[in-house]
C-alpha atoms as a PDB file:
ATOM      1  CA  MET A   1       0.446  -3.030 -35.613  1.00  0.00           C
ATOM      2  CA  ARG A   2       2.714  -1.525 -32.958  1.00  0.00           C
ATOM      3  CA  TYR A   3       1.276  -0.642 -29.587  1.00  0.00           C
ATOM      4  CA  ILE A   4       2.433   2.311 -27.487  1.00  0.00           C
ATOM      5  CA  ASP A   5       2.203   2.779 -23.724  1.00  0.00           C
ATOM      6  CA  CYS A   6       2.839   6.377 -22.713  1.00  0.00           C
ATOM      7  CA  PHE A   7       2.892   8.504 -19.591  1.00  0.00           C
ATOM      8  CA  VAL A   8       3.201  12.108 -18.458  1.00  0.00           C
ATOM      9  CA  ALA A   9       4.298  13.015 -14.933  1.00  0.00           C
ATOM     10  CA  ALA A  10       5.655  15.886 -12.861  1.00  0.00           C
ATOM     11  CA  VAL A  11       9.071  15.237 -11.317  1.00  0.00           C
ATOM     12  CA  PRO A  12      10.761  17.487  -8.762  1.00  0.00           C
ATOM     13  CA  THR A  13      13.494  19.181 -10.765  1.00  0.00           C
ATOM     14  CA  ALA A  14      15.987  18.325  -8.021  1.00  0.00           C
ATOM     15  CA  ASN A  15      15.240  14.618  -8.653  1.00  0.00           C
ATOM     16  CA  LYS A  16      16.318  14.616 -12.301  1.00  0.00           C
ATOM     17  CA  GLU A  17      19.187  12.155 -11.773  1.00  0.00           C
ATOM     18  CA  ALA A  18      17.114   9.863  -9.553  1.00  0.00           C
ATOM     19  CA  PHE A  19      14.391   9.855 -12.220  1.00  0.00           C
ATOM     20  CA  ARG A  20      16.957   9.130 -14.947  1.00  0.00           C
ATOM     21  CA  GLU A  21      18.317   6.178 -12.946  1.00  0.00           C
ATOM     22  CA  HIS A  22      14.829   4.759 -12.348  1.00  0.00           C
ATOM     23  CA  ALA A  23      13.847   5.281 -15.999  1.00  0.00           C
ATOM     24  CA  HIS A  24      16.994   3.500 -17.183  1.00  0.00           C
ATOM     25  CA  LYS A  25      16.306   0.494 -14.936  1.00  0.00           C
ATOM     26  CA  ALA A  26      12.686   0.363 -16.072  1.00  0.00           C
ATOM     27  CA  ALA A  27      13.752   0.584 -19.727  1.00  0.00           C
ATOM     28  CA  GLU A  28      16.030  -2.424 -19.270  1.00  0.00           C
ATOM     29  CA  VAL A  29      13.101  -4.402 -17.831  1.00  0.00           C
ATOM     30  CA  PHE A  30      10.743  -3.406 -20.648  1.00  0.00           C
ATOM     31  CA  LYS A  31      13.337  -4.315 -23.278  1.00  0.00           C
ATOM     32  CA  GLU A  32      14.071  -7.645 -21.577  1.00  0.00           C
ATOM     33  CA  TYR A  33      10.384  -8.539 -21.867  1.00  0.00           C
ATOM     34  CA  GLY A  34      10.043  -7.621 -25.533  1.00  0.00           C
ATOM     35  CA  ALA A  35       9.622  -3.861 -25.871  1.00  0.00           C
ATOM     36  CA  GLU A  36      10.999  -2.571 -29.154  1.00  0.00           C
ATOM     37  CA  SER A  37      11.991   0.815 -27.771  1.00  0.00           C
ATOM     38  CA  VAL A  38      11.695   2.899 -24.615  1.00  0.00           C
ATOM     39  CA  VAL A  39      11.955   6.688 -24.438  1.00  0.00           C
ATOM     40  CA  ASP A  40      11.874   8.930 -21.373  1.00  0.00           C
ATOM     41  CA  ALA A  41      12.113  12.675 -21.999  1.00  0.00           C
ATOM     42  CA  TRP A  42      12.728  15.618 -19.670  1.00  0.00           C
ATOM     43  CA  GLY A  43      10.618  18.665 -20.562  1.00  0.00           C
ATOM     44  CA  ASP A  44      12.394  21.858 -21.549  1.00  0.00           C
ATOM     45  CA  ALA A  45       9.760  23.552 -23.740  1.00  0.00           C
ATOM     46  CA  VAL A  46       6.448  22.608 -22.129  1.00  0.00           C
ATOM     47  CA  PRO A  47       4.251  25.721 -21.932  1.00  0.00           C
ATOM     48  CA  ASP A  48       1.527  26.354 -19.403  1.00  0.00           C
ATOM     49  CA  GLY A  49      -1.905  26.530 -20.966  1.00  0.00           C
ATOM     50  CA  GLU A  50      -4.936  28.684 -20.360  1.00  0.00           C
ATOM     51  CA  VAL A  51      -7.517  25.898 -20.751  1.00  0.00           C
ATOM     52  CA  THR A  52      -5.402  22.737 -20.650  1.00  0.00           C
ATOM     53  CA  SER A  53      -1.770  21.723 -20.949  1.00  0.00           C
ATOM     54  CA  LEU A  54       0.658  19.013 -19.925  1.00  0.00           C
ATOM     55  CA  PRO A  55       1.701  20.946 -16.783  1.00  0.00           C
ATOM     56  CA  MET A  56      -1.952  21.419 -15.822  1.00  0.00           C
ATOM     57  CA  ALA A  57      -2.764  17.761 -16.469  1.00  0.00           C
ATOM     58  CA  VAL A  58      -0.188  16.592 -13.908  1.00  0.00           C
ATOM     59  CA  LYS A  59      -0.571  19.578 -11.554  1.00  0.00           C
ATOM     60  CA  CYS A  60       3.068  20.528 -12.120  1.00  0.00           C
ATOM     61  CA  GLN A  61       4.450  22.800  -9.389  1.00  0.00           C
ATOM     62  CA  PRO A  62       7.058  25.555  -9.933  1.00  0.00           C
ATOM     63  CA  ASP A  63       9.849  23.322  -8.595  1.00  0.00           C
ATOM     64  CA  GLU A  64       8.901  20.420 -10.895  1.00  0.00           C
ATOM     65  CA  THR A  65       9.493  19.465 -14.531  1.00  0.00           C
ATOM     66  CA  VAL A  66       7.103  17.627 -16.835  1.00  0.00           C
ATOM     67  CA  VAL A  67       8.410  14.309 -18.159  1.00  0.00           C
ATOM     68  CA  PHE A  68       6.973  12.267 -21.000  1.00  0.00           C
ATOM     69  CA  GLY A  69       7.778   8.738 -22.004  1.00  0.00           C
ATOM     70  CA  TRP A  70       6.650   5.800 -24.056  1.00  0.00           C
ATOM     71  CA  VAL A  71       7.271   2.121 -24.580  1.00  0.00           C
ATOM     72  CA  ALA A  72       6.758   0.686 -28.076  1.00  0.00           C
ATOM     73  CA  TRP A  73       5.659  -2.942 -28.340  1.00  0.00           C
ATOM     74  CA  PRO A  74       5.292  -5.114 -31.453  1.00  0.00           C
ATOM     75  CA  SER A  75       1.540  -5.410 -30.695  1.00  0.00           C
ATOM     76  CA  ARG A  76      -0.960  -5.076 -27.893  1.00  0.00           C
ATOM     77  CA  ALA A  77      -1.021  -8.876 -27.589  1.00  0.00           C
ATOM     78  CA  ALA A  78       2.768  -8.909 -27.044  1.00  0.00           C
ATOM     79  CA  ARG A  79       2.426  -6.192 -24.405  1.00  0.00           C
ATOM     80  CA  ASP A  80      -0.529  -7.818 -22.649  1.00  0.00           C
ATOM     81  CA  GLU A  81       1.296 -11.149 -22.496  1.00  0.00           C
ATOM     82  CA  VAL A  82       4.106  -9.738 -20.335  1.00  0.00           C
ATOM     83  CA  TRP A  83       2.554  -6.710 -18.605  1.00  0.00           C
ATOM     84  CA  GLU A  84       1.841  -8.325 -15.221  1.00  0.00           C
ATOM     85  CA  THR A  85       5.296  -9.911 -15.173  1.00  0.00           C
ATOM     86  CA  VAL A  86       6.930  -6.565 -15.993  1.00  0.00           C
ATOM     87  CA  MET A  87       5.017  -4.755 -13.246  1.00  0.00           C
ATOM     88  CA  ALA A  88       5.879  -7.489 -10.712  1.00  0.00           C
ATOM     89  CA  ASP A  89       9.594  -7.379 -11.526  1.00  0.00           C
ATOM     90  CA  PRO A  90      11.436  -6.083  -8.412  1.00  0.00           C
ATOM     91  CA  ARG A  91      13.521  -3.713 -10.564  1.00  0.00           C
ATOM     92  CA  MET A  92      10.327  -1.752 -11.259  1.00  0.00           C
ATOM     93  CA  HIS A  93       9.847  -0.967  -7.556  1.00  0.00           C
ATOM     94  CA  PHE A  94      11.636   1.341  -5.167  1.00  0.00           C
ATOM     95  CA  GLY A  95      11.999  -1.055  -2.246  1.00  0.00           C
ATOM     96  CA  ASP A  96      12.372   1.023   0.880  1.00  0.00           C
ATOM     97  CA  GLY A  97      13.446   4.043  -1.154  1.00  0.00           C
ATOM     98  CA  LYS A  98      11.215   6.955  -2.055  1.00  0.00           C
ATOM     99  CA  PRO A  99      10.118   7.234  -5.707  1.00  0.00           C
ATOM    100  CA  PRO A 100      11.563  10.267  -7.533  1.00  0.00           C
ATOM    101  CA  PHE A 101       8.044  11.591  -8.329  1.00  0.00           C
ATOM    102  CA  ASP A 102       4.440  11.484  -7.135  1.00  0.00           C
ATOM    103  CA  GLY A 103       2.860   8.636  -9.087  1.00  0.00           C
ATOM    104  CA  ARG A 104      -0.629   9.791  -8.110  1.00  0.00           C
ATOM    105  CA  ARG A 105      -0.226  12.681 -10.563  1.00  0.00           C
ATOM    106  CA  MET A 106       1.045  10.529 -13.425  1.00  0.00           C
ATOM    107  CA  ILE A 107      -1.291  10.052 -16.379  1.00  0.00           C
ATOM    108  CA  PHE A 108      -0.841   7.111 -18.710  1.00  0.00           C
ATOM    109  CA  GLY A 109      -2.517   5.031 -21.367  1.00  0.00           C
ATOM    110  CA  GLY A 110      -2.072   2.544 -24.170  1.00  0.00           C
ATOM    111  CA  PHE A 111      -2.516   3.377 -27.832  1.00  0.00           C
ATOM    112  CA  GLU A 112      -2.717   1.474 -31.108  1.00  0.00           C
ATOM    113  CA  ALA A 113      -0.351   3.078 -33.594  1.00  0.00           C
ATOM    114  CA  LEU A 114      -2.166   4.549 -36.598  1.00  0.00           C
ATOM    115  CA  VAL A 115       0.869   6.065 -38.327  1.00  0.00           C
ATOM    116  CA  ASP A 116       4.310   4.617 -37.650  1.00  0.00           C
ATOM    117  CA  LEU A 117       6.931   5.787 -40.145  1.00  0.00           C
END
């Protein structure tokens, strides 16, 4: 059964291109290590909630945009086998550069696919 890693984050709207560049590099790394697909999406219809919402979950500020992404793996075992190697890959890091978003406000998790059409 496929396994999905996903995340939600707030990115300064002015950093859209920097985020796109980082996401593209990360997608190449994930695919190189066996991911079936990688999607990163820029929010354009993400409403604020009264009790909870994606913007509230990541403490999105007025000058930020919510992003959502996922990586699909053939299985959790396939993902677990390469995860540490993926995270250690230098292309996943910013070097001396500043990341295009505040990773402390990113939420993420792994999920077993129940329906996958």
